[in-house]
Amino acid sequence: MAEDKKGVSRRDFLKTTGVATGAVLGGGLIGGLVGYNVKQKPAGPGEKPETGVAHETATPRGLTFFTNTSEFNIISQAVERIFPEDELGPGAIGLGVPYFLDNQLAGNYGSNAKEYMQGPFFAGESTQGYQSRLTRAEIFRQGITKMEEEAKKRFDTGFAKLEGSQMDEILTDFQKNEIDMKGVSSEFFFKLLRQATLEGAYADPIYNGNINMDGWRMKGFPGHQMAFINEIENDEYMEIEPQSISSMQH
């Protein structure tokens, strides 16, 4: 990906490529939303360098998978690094992505209930799909443990307390497949984490993410409208207030 002298912010990359709204989510095409393929926007005069670290204290509201507050804080900071708050709007934490993940991992997504999970198991190529004997819930638990271990080994503190650049260093090594994990590659865990982050930012709010439909608002996406019959003949650009599926139940 070509970059100008000013660098390209992660959110700019999502915005200009259309990746964030689901145009392309395959393989390693995004490259690094965190770390080695995308530079952060440099600070201007009198500004502090951008870190993207929210360091928000978890306030569990009906958590079902991340019953451990430490786990919830770790995953919250990780997804915020992938989808940071900036001048365009809230980041992953502000959009409720950690709660989206909690909801997903506690259900069929986390248990792989609707997928074939019998052997034989072989190590697949990075371009292949799901190859692990582990469920997503087990992969995420192990990934969180590994993030914490790497943080303490490298920086002598927990992952949620690291500086943004330190979190990026660890997450980038996951993406590069340089972290040892059992039953799954760290590269595959990172792909799951990145994909789930984007899904949480842009899914319908009924799934606990995309709070206030702000993910849609940033993209100008109207959500789920009953019909466009009154607007379809209009040649003017229209800003339409987004609607959730839940609005159709009344």
C-alpha atoms as a PDB file:
ATOM      1  CA  MET A   1       0.000   0.000   0.000  1.00  0.00           C
ATOM      2  CA  ALA A   2       1.442   3.342  -1.009  1.00  0.00           C
ATOM      3  CA  GLU A   3       1.779   5.974   1.687  1.00  0.00           C
ATOM      4  CA  ASP A   4       2.380   9.688   1.457  1.00  0.00           C
ATOM      5  CA  LYS A   5       4.924  11.499   3.576  1.00  0.00           C
ATOM      6  CA  LYS A   6       2.367  12.225   6.274  1.00  0.00           C
ATOM      7  CA  GLY A   7       1.569   8.566   6.811  1.00  0.00           C
ATOM      8  CA  VAL A   8      -1.846   6.920   6.819  1.00  0.00           C
ATOM      9  CA  SER A   9      -3.970   6.466   9.922  1.00  0.00           C
ATOM     10  CA  ARG A  10      -5.610   3.105  10.484  1.00  0.00           C
ATOM     11  CA  ARG A  11      -9.094   4.635  10.306  1.00  0.00           C
ATOM     12  CA  ASP A  12      -8.174   6.429   7.045  1.00  0.00           C
ATOM     13  CA  PHE A  13      -7.186   3.088   5.575  1.00  0.00           C
ATOM     14  CA  LEU A  14     -10.511   1.546   6.558  1.00  0.00           C
ATOM     15  CA  LYS A  15     -12.436   4.537   5.247  1.00  0.00           C
ATOM     16  CA  THR A  16     -10.775   4.796   1.842  1.00  0.00           C
ATOM     17  CA  THR A  17     -10.646   1.082   1.001  1.00  0.00           C
ATOM     18  CA  GLY A  18     -14.195   0.183   2.038  1.00  0.00           C
ATOM     19  CA  VAL A  19     -12.830  -2.742   4.036  1.00  0.00           C
ATOM     20  CA  ALA A  20     -14.591  -1.685   7.200  1.00  0.00           C
ATOM     21  CA  THR A  21     -18.041  -2.058   5.691  1.00  0.00           C
ATOM     22  CA  GLY A  22     -17.315  -5.560   4.495  1.00  0.00           C
ATOM     23  CA  ALA A  23     -16.178  -5.008   0.900  1.00  0.00           C
ATOM     24  CA  VAL A  24     -13.098  -7.164   1.512  1.00  0.00           C
ATOM     25  CA  LEU A  25     -12.294  -9.100   4.648  1.00  0.00           C
ATOM     26  CA  GLY A  26     -10.238 -11.972   3.328  1.00  0.00           C
ATOM     27  CA  GLY A  27      -6.830 -13.350   4.201  1.00  0.00           C
ATOM     28  CA  GLY A  28      -4.127 -10.823   4.950  1.00  0.00           C
ATOM     29  CA  LEU A  29      -5.377  -8.260   2.455  1.00  0.00           C
ATOM     30  CA  ILE A  30      -5.898  -5.602   5.083  1.00  0.00           C
ATOM     31  CA  GLY A  31      -2.253  -6.064   6.025  1.00  0.00           C
ATOM     32  CA  GLY A  32      -1.702  -4.572   9.453  1.00  0.00           C
ATOM     33  CA  LEU A  33      -4.454  -2.459  10.902  1.00  0.00           C
ATOM     34  CA  VAL A  34      -2.064  -2.610  13.807  1.00  0.00           C
ATOM     35  CA  GLY A  35       1.668  -2.431  13.474  1.00  0.00           C
ATOM     36  CA  TYR A  36       3.981  -3.052  10.620  1.00  0.00           C
ATOM     37  CA  ASN A  37       2.012  -2.108   7.479  1.00  0.00           C
ATOM     38  CA  VAL A  38       0.425   1.180   8.533  1.00  0.00           C
ATOM     39  CA  LYS A  39       2.025   4.228  10.117  1.00  0.00           C
ATOM     40  CA  GLN A  40       0.283   6.384  12.671  1.00  0.00           C
ATOM     41  CA  LYS A  41      -0.453  10.001  11.844  1.00  0.00           C
ATOM     42  CA  PRO A  42       2.352  12.192  13.228  1.00  0.00           C
ATOM     43  CA  ALA A  43       1.541  14.779  15.855  1.00  0.00           C
ATOM     44  CA  GLY A  44       1.168  18.374  14.775  1.00  0.00           C
ATOM     45  CA  PRO A  45       2.687  21.402  16.521  1.00  0.00           C
ATOM     46  CA  GLY A  46       1.853  21.364  20.205  1.00  0.00           C
ATOM     47  CA  GLU A  47       0.053  17.997  19.962  1.00  0.00           C
ATOM     48  CA  LYS A  48       0.884  14.781  21.717  1.00  0.00           C
ATOM     49  CA  PRO A  49       1.643  11.720  19.574  1.00  0.00           C
ATOM     50  CA  GLU A  50      -1.418   9.591  18.932  1.00  0.00           C
ATOM     51  CA  THR A  51      -1.476   6.398  20.970  1.00  0.00           C
ATOM     52  CA  GLY A  52      -5.084   5.274  20.607  1.00  0.00           C
ATOM     53  CA  VAL A  53      -5.007   3.810  24.104  1.00  0.00           C
ATOM     54  CA  ALA A  54      -8.332   4.152  25.840  1.00  0.00           C
ATOM     55  CA  HIS A  55      -7.407   2.471  29.145  1.00  0.00           C
ATOM     56  CA  GLU A  56     -11.092   2.410  30.007  1.00  0.00           C
ATOM     57  CA  THR A  57     -11.926   0.589  33.210  1.00  0.00           C
ATOM     58  CA  ALA A  58     -14.291  -2.276  32.525  1.00  0.00           C
ATOM     59  CA  THR A  59     -17.771  -1.802  33.888  1.00  0.00           C
ATOM     60  CA  PRO A  60     -19.312  -5.228  33.194  1.00  0.00           C
ATOM     61  CA  ARG A  61     -22.988  -5.016  32.265  1.00  0.00           C
ATOM     62  CA  GLY A  62     -24.256  -8.559  32.134  1.00  0.00           C
ATOM     63  CA  LEU A  63     -21.064 -10.210  30.848  1.00  0.00           C
ATOM     64  CA  THR A  64     -21.530 -13.900  30.053  1.00  0.00           C
ATOM     65  CA  PHE A  65     -18.143 -14.998  28.652  1.00  0.00           C
ATOM     66  CA  PHE A  66     -15.593 -12.551  30.042  1.00  0.00           C
ATOM     67  CA  THR A  67     -16.529 -13.094  33.669  1.00  0.00           C
ATOM     68  CA  ASN A  68     -12.945 -12.208  34.587  1.00  0.00           C
ATOM     69  CA  THR A  69     -12.593  -8.402  34.568  1.00  0.00           C
ATOM     70  CA  SER A  70      -8.887  -8.671  33.709  1.00  0.00           C
ATOM     71  CA  GLU A  71      -9.697 -10.652  30.544  1.00  0.00           C
ATOM     72  CA  PHE A  72     -12.330  -8.113  29.575  1.00  0.00           C
ATOM     73  CA  ASN A  73      -9.886  -5.216  29.991  1.00  0.00           C
ATOM     74  CA  ILE A  74      -7.223  -6.979  27.902  1.00  0.00           C
ATOM     75  CA  ILE A  75      -9.575  -7.695  25.006  1.00  0.00           C
ATOM     76  CA  SER A  76     -10.985  -4.163  25.261  1.00  0.00           C
ATOM     77  CA  GLN A  77      -7.564  -2.581  24.796  1.00  0.00           C
ATOM     78  CA  ALA A  78      -6.661  -5.003  21.995  1.00  0.00           C
ATOM     79  CA  VAL A  79      -9.744  -4.202  19.915  1.00  0.00           C
ATOM     80  CA  GLU A  80      -9.290  -0.479  20.555  1.00  0.00           C
ATOM     81  CA  ARG A  81      -5.825  -0.706  18.994  1.00  0.00           C
ATOM     82  CA  ILE A  82      -7.363  -2.305  15.910  1.00  0.00           C
ATOM     83  CA  PHE A  83     -10.233   0.203  15.685  1.00  0.00           C
ATOM     84  CA  PRO A  84      -9.159   3.359  17.562  1.00  0.00           C
ATOM     85  CA  GLU A  85     -11.173   6.408  18.445  1.00  0.00           C
ATOM     86  CA  ASP A  86     -10.287   9.432  16.338  1.00  0.00           C
ATOM     87  CA  GLU A  87     -11.752  12.604  14.843  1.00  0.00           C
ATOM     88  CA  LEU A  88     -14.228  10.550  12.786  1.00  0.00           C
ATOM     89  CA  GLY A  89     -15.915   8.992  15.796  1.00  0.00           C
ATOM     90  CA  PRO A  90     -15.679   6.415  18.576  1.00  0.00           C
ATOM     91  CA  GLY A  91     -13.346   3.455  18.584  1.00  0.00           C
ATOM     92  CA  ALA A  92     -14.025  -0.167  19.436  1.00  0.00           C
ATOM     93  CA  ILE A  93     -14.616   0.495  23.128  1.00  0.00           C
ATOM     94  CA  GLY A  94     -16.964   3.388  22.456  1.00  0.00           C
ATOM     95  CA  LEU A  95     -18.881   1.233  19.979  1.00  0.00           C
ATOM     96  CA  GLY A  96     -19.270  -1.607  22.489  1.00  0.00           C
ATOM     97  CA  VAL A  97     -17.145  -4.110  20.559  1.00  0.00           C
ATOM     98  CA  PRO A  98     -15.934  -5.859  23.744  1.00  0.00           C
ATOM     99  CA  TYR A  99     -19.564  -6.543  24.671  1.00  0.00           C
ATOM    100  CA  PHE A 100     -20.286  -7.750  21.138  1.00  0.00           C
ATOM    101  CA  LEU A 101     -17.391 -10.199  21.494  1.00  0.00           C
ATOM    102  CA  ASP A 102     -18.625 -11.329  24.892  1.00  0.00           C
ATOM    103  CA  ASN A 103     -22.045 -12.032  23.423  1.00  0.00           C
ATOM    104  CA  GLN A 104     -20.629 -13.901  20.425  1.00  0.00           C
ATOM    105  CA  LEU A 105     -18.127 -16.033  22.333  1.00  0.00           C
ATOM    106  CA  ALA A 106     -20.794 -17.111  24.819  1.00  0.00           C
ATOM    107  CA  GLY A 107     -22.971 -18.433  21.985  1.00  0.00           C
ATOM    108  CA  ASN A 108     -22.734 -20.647  18.902  1.00  0.00           C
ATOM    109  CA  TYR A 109     -19.898 -18.570  17.443  1.00  0.00           C
ATOM    110  CA  GLY A 110     -17.704 -19.329  20.450  1.00  0.00           C
ATOM    111  CA  SER A 111     -18.583 -23.020  20.651  1.00  0.00           C
ATOM    112  CA  ASN A 112     -18.484 -23.612  16.865  1.00  0.00           C
ATOM    113  CA  ALA A 113     -21.823 -25.338  17.391  1.00  0.00           C
ATOM    114  CA  LYS A 114     -22.827 -25.180  13.732  1.00  0.00           C
ATOM    115  CA  GLU A 115     -19.495 -26.254  12.258  1.00  0.00           C
ATOM    116  CA  TYR A 116     -17.831 -29.603  11.631  1.00  0.00           C
ATOM    117  CA  MET A 117     -15.245 -30.015  14.387  1.00  0.00           C
ATOM    118  CA  GLN A 118     -14.178 -33.671  14.057  1.00  0.00           C
ATOM    119  CA  GLY A 119     -10.726 -34.940  13.027  1.00  0.00           C
ATOM    120  CA  PRO A 120      -8.417 -35.538  11.394  1.00  0.00           C
ATOM    121  CA  PHE A 121      -6.752 -32.197  12.063  1.00  0.00           C
ATOM    122  CA  PHE A 122      -3.858 -30.914   9.988  1.00  0.00           C
ATOM    123  CA  ALA A 123      -2.011 -27.618  10.018  1.00  0.00           C
ATOM    124  CA  GLY A 124      -3.519 -25.576   7.200  1.00  0.00           C
ATOM    125  CA  GLU A 125      -2.049 -22.858   5.048  1.00  0.00           C
ATOM    126  CA  SER A 126      -2.582 -19.231   6.028  1.00  0.00           C
ATOM    127  CA  THR A 127      -4.938 -18.839   3.051  1.00  0.00           C
ATOM    128  CA  GLN A 128      -7.213 -21.634   4.262  1.00  0.00           C
ATOM    129  CA  GLY A 129     -10.131 -21.310   6.619  1.00  0.00           C
ATOM    130  CA  TYR A 130     -10.739 -22.822  10.020  1.00  0.00           C
ATOM    131  CA  GLN A 131      -8.309 -25.705  10.639  1.00  0.00           C
ATOM    132  CA  SER A 132      -7.985 -25.860  14.428  1.00  0.00           C
ATOM    133  CA  ARG A 133      -9.416 -28.482  16.764  1.00  0.00           C
ATOM    134  CA  LEU A 134     -10.031 -25.654  19.244  1.00  0.00           C
ATOM    135  CA  THR A 135     -13.257 -23.692  19.423  1.00  0.00           C
ATOM    136  CA  ARG A 136     -13.172 -19.916  19.003  1.00  0.00           C
ATOM    137  CA  ALA A 137     -13.846 -19.540  22.723  1.00  0.00           C
ATOM    138  CA  GLU A 138     -10.755 -21.632  23.491  1.00  0.00           C
ATOM    139  CA  ILE A 139      -8.668 -19.724  20.947  1.00  0.00           C
ATOM    140  CA  PHE A 140      -9.676 -16.344  22.380  1.00  0.00           C
ATOM    141  CA  ARG A 141      -8.988 -17.459  25.961  1.00  0.00           C
ATOM    142  CA  GLN A 142      -5.547 -18.692  24.954  1.00  0.00           C
ATOM    143  CA  GLY A 143      -4.865 -15.556  22.905  1.00  0.00           C
ATOM    144  CA  ILE A 144      -5.737 -13.308  25.828  1.00  0.00           C
ATOM    145  CA  THR A 145      -3.486 -15.337  28.123  1.00  0.00           C
ATOM    146  CA  LYS A 146      -0.654 -15.052  25.608  1.00  0.00           C
ATOM    147  CA  MET A 147      -1.109 -11.272  25.270  1.00  0.00           C
ATOM    148  CA  GLU A 148      -0.804 -10.928  29.022  1.00  0.00           C
ATOM    149  CA  GLU A 149       2.232 -13.226  29.177  1.00  0.00           C
ATOM    150  CA  GLU A 150       4.005 -11.304  26.424  1.00  0.00           C
ATOM    151  CA  ALA A 151       3.272  -7.975  28.122  1.00  0.00           C
ATOM    152  CA  LYS A 152       4.725  -9.111  31.452  1.00  0.00           C
ATOM    153  CA  LYS A 153       7.724 -10.774  29.804  1.00  0.00           C
ATOM    154  CA  ARG A 154       8.609  -7.763  27.638  1.00  0.00           C
ATOM    155  CA  PHE A 155       7.461  -4.799  29.709  1.00  0.00           C
ATOM    156  CA  ASP A 156       6.931  -6.167  33.224  1.00  0.00           C
ATOM    157  CA  THR A 157       3.297  -5.079  33.423  1.00  0.00           C
ATOM    158  CA  GLY A 158      -0.142  -6.208  32.275  1.00  0.00           C
ATOM    159  CA  PHE A 159      -1.280  -5.771  28.664  1.00  0.00           C
ATOM    160  CA  ALA A 160      -4.079  -3.331  29.526  1.00  0.00           C
ATOM    161  CA  LYS A 161      -1.540  -0.986  31.170  1.00  0.00           C
ATOM    162  CA  LEU A 162       0.870  -0.799  28.224  1.00  0.00           C
ATOM    163  CA  GLU A 163       1.502   2.182  25.977  1.00  0.00           C
ATOM    164  CA  GLY A 164      -0.104   2.036  22.553  1.00  0.00           C
ATOM    165  CA  SER A 165       3.183   1.321  20.757  1.00  0.00           C
ATOM    166  CA  GLN A 166       3.886  -1.550  23.149  1.00  0.00           C
ATOM    167  CA  MET A 167       0.464  -3.090  22.517  1.00  0.00           C
ATOM    168  CA  ASP A 168       1.065  -2.708  18.783  1.00  0.00           C
ATOM    169  CA  GLU A 169       4.389  -4.498  19.072  1.00  0.00           C
ATOM    170  CA  ILE A 170       2.739  -7.512  20.679  1.00  0.00           C
ATOM    171  CA  LEU A 171      -0.282  -7.562  18.379  1.00  0.00           C
ATOM    172  CA  THR A 172       1.982  -7.217  15.345  1.00  0.00           C
ATOM    173  CA  ASP A 173       3.938 -10.285  16.436  1.00  0.00           C
ATOM    174  CA  PHE A 174       0.659 -12.185  16.664  1.00  0.00           C
ATOM    175  CA  GLN A 175      -0.125 -11.088  13.115  1.00  0.00           C
ATOM    176  CA  LYS A 176       3.345 -12.116  11.921  1.00  0.00           C
ATOM    177  CA  ASN A 177       2.841 -15.553  13.516  1.00  0.00           C
ATOM    178  CA  GLU A 178       5.757 -15.029  15.876  1.00  0.00           C
ATOM    179  CA  ILE A 179       3.919 -15.999  19.088  1.00  0.00           C
ATOM    180  CA  ASP A 180       3.730 -19.680  20.034  1.00  0.00           C
ATOM    181  CA  MET A 181       0.197 -20.927  20.599  1.00  0.00           C
ATOM    182  CA  LYS A 182      -1.077 -24.481  21.053  1.00  0.00           C
ATOM    183  CA  GLY A 183      -3.546 -25.945  18.571  1.00  0.00           C
ATOM    184  CA  VAL A 184      -3.727 -22.765  16.508  1.00  0.00           C
ATOM    185  CA  SER A 185      -1.357 -20.220  14.983  1.00  0.00           C
ATOM    186  CA  SER A 186      -1.097 -16.740  16.456  1.00  0.00           C
ATOM    187  CA  GLU A 187      -1.676 -15.402  12.941  1.00  0.00           C
ATOM    188  CA  PHE A 188      -5.073 -17.111  12.817  1.00  0.00           C
ATOM    189  CA  PHE A 189      -5.993 -15.793  16.264  1.00  0.00           C
ATOM    190  CA  PHE A 190      -5.156 -12.267  15.085  1.00  0.00           C
ATOM    191  CA  LYS A 191      -7.346 -12.721  11.995  1.00  0.00           C
ATOM    192  CA  LEU A 192     -10.238 -13.827  14.207  1.00  0.00           C
ATOM    193  CA  LEU A 193      -9.693 -10.867  16.522  1.00  0.00           C
ATOM    194  CA  ARG A 194      -9.498  -8.354  13.667  1.00  0.00           C
ATOM    195  CA  GLN A 195     -12.560  -9.741  11.897  1.00  0.00           C
ATOM    196  CA  ALA A 196     -14.602  -9.831  15.113  1.00  0.00           C
ATOM    197  CA  THR A 197     -13.599  -6.228  15.859  1.00  0.00           C
ATOM    198  CA  LEU A 198     -14.913  -5.017  12.506  1.00  0.00           C
ATOM    199  CA  GLU A 199     -18.060  -7.101  12.854  1.00  0.00           C
ATOM    200  CA  GLY A 200     -18.722  -5.616  16.298  1.00  0.00           C
ATOM    201  CA  ALA A 201     -18.222  -2.084  15.000  1.00  0.00           C
ATOM    202  CA  TYR A 202     -20.654  -2.517  12.098  1.00  0.00           C
ATOM    203  CA  ALA A 203     -23.143  -5.210  13.145  1.00  0.00           C
ATOM    204  CA  ASP A 204     -26.707  -4.334  14.042  1.00  0.00           C
ATOM    205  CA  PRO A 205     -26.841  -2.962  17.619  1.00  0.00           C
ATOM    206  CA  ILE A 206     -29.072  -5.873  18.699  1.00  0.00           C
ATOM    207  CA  TYR A 207     -25.844  -7.887  18.939  1.00  0.00           C
ATOM    208  CA  ASN A 208     -24.420  -5.513  21.613  1.00  0.00           C
ATOM    209  CA  GLY A 209     -21.979  -3.621  19.370  1.00  0.00           C
ATOM    210  CA  ASN A 210     -22.290  -0.536  17.137  1.00  0.00           C
ATOM    211  CA  ILE A 211     -23.698   1.478  20.040  1.00  0.00           C
ATOM    212  CA  ASN A 212     -26.095   4.221  18.948  1.00  0.00           C
ATOM    213  CA  MET A 213     -25.430   2.979  15.377  1.00  0.00           C
ATOM    214  CA  ASP A 214     -22.357   5.240  15.405  1.00  0.00           C
ATOM    215  CA  GLY A 215     -20.409   2.754  13.280  1.00  0.00           C
ATOM    216  CA  TRP A 216     -23.049   3.149  10.572  1.00  0.00           C
ATOM    217  CA  ARG A 217     -23.183   6.918  11.037  1.00  0.00           C
ATOM    218  CA  MET A 218     -19.451   7.193  10.350  1.00  0.00           C
ATOM    219  CA  LYS A 219     -19.977   5.435   7.009  1.00  0.00           C
ATOM    220  CA  GLY A 220     -23.302   7.083   6.136  1.00  0.00           C
ATOM    221  CA  PHE A 221     -24.966   3.662   6.121  1.00  0.00           C
ATOM    222  CA  PRO A 222     -28.767   3.788   6.662  1.00  0.00           C
ATOM    223  CA  GLY A 223     -29.083   0.428   8.374  1.00  0.00           C
ATOM    224  CA  HIS A 224     -32.322  -1.480   7.984  1.00  0.00           C
ATOM    225  CA  GLN A 225     -35.005   0.731   6.463  1.00  0.00           C
ATOM    226  CA  MET A 226     -38.517  -0.560   5.867  1.00  0.00           C
ATOM    227  CA  ALA A 227     -38.432   0.811   2.300  1.00  0.00           C
ATOM    228  CA  PHE A 228     -36.874   3.475   0.079  1.00  0.00           C
ATOM    229  CA  ILE A 229     -39.929   3.988  -2.119  1.00  0.00           C
ATOM    230  CA  ASN A 230     -40.238   7.663  -1.208  1.00  0.00           C
ATOM    231  CA  GLU A 231     -36.570   8.411  -1.882  1.00  0.00           C
ATOM    232  CA  ILE A 232     -35.585   6.164  -4.791  1.00  0.00           C
ATOM    233  CA  GLU A 233     -36.460   8.730  -7.474  1.00  0.00           C
ATOM    234  CA  ASN A 234     -34.561  11.518  -5.727  1.00  0.00           C
ATOM    235  CA  ASP A 235     -31.389  12.575  -7.576  1.00  0.00           C
ATOM    236  CA  GLU A 236     -30.046  14.432  -4.540  1.00  0.00           C
ATOM    237  CA  TYR A 237     -27.689  12.855  -2.007  1.00  0.00           C
ATOM    238  CA  MET A 238     -29.723  12.032   1.078  1.00  0.00           C
ATOM    239  CA  GLU A 239     -28.677  11.603   4.670  1.00  0.00           C
ATOM    240  CA  ILE A 240     -30.972   8.970   6.156  1.00  0.00           C
ATOM    241  CA  GLU A 241     -31.221   8.373   9.887  1.00  0.00           C
ATOM    242  CA  PRO A 242     -30.064   4.766  10.390  1.00  0.00           C
ATOM    243  CA  GLN A 243     -32.475   2.184  11.776  1.00  0.00           C
ATOM    244  CA  SER A 244     -31.816  -1.028  13.684  1.00  0.00           C
ATOM    245  CA  ILE A 245     -33.648  -4.299  13.149  1.00  0.00           C
ATOM    246  CA  SER A 246     -35.133  -3.717  16.595  1.00  0.00           C
ATOM    247  CA  SER A 247     -37.074  -0.722  15.234  1.00  0.00           C
ATOM    248  CA  MET A 248     -39.003  -3.061  12.953  1.00  0.00           C
ATOM    249  CA  GLN A 249     -40.383  -5.097  15.841  1.00  0.00           C
ATOM    250  CA  HIS A 250     -42.815  -2.395  16.923  1.00  0.00           C
END
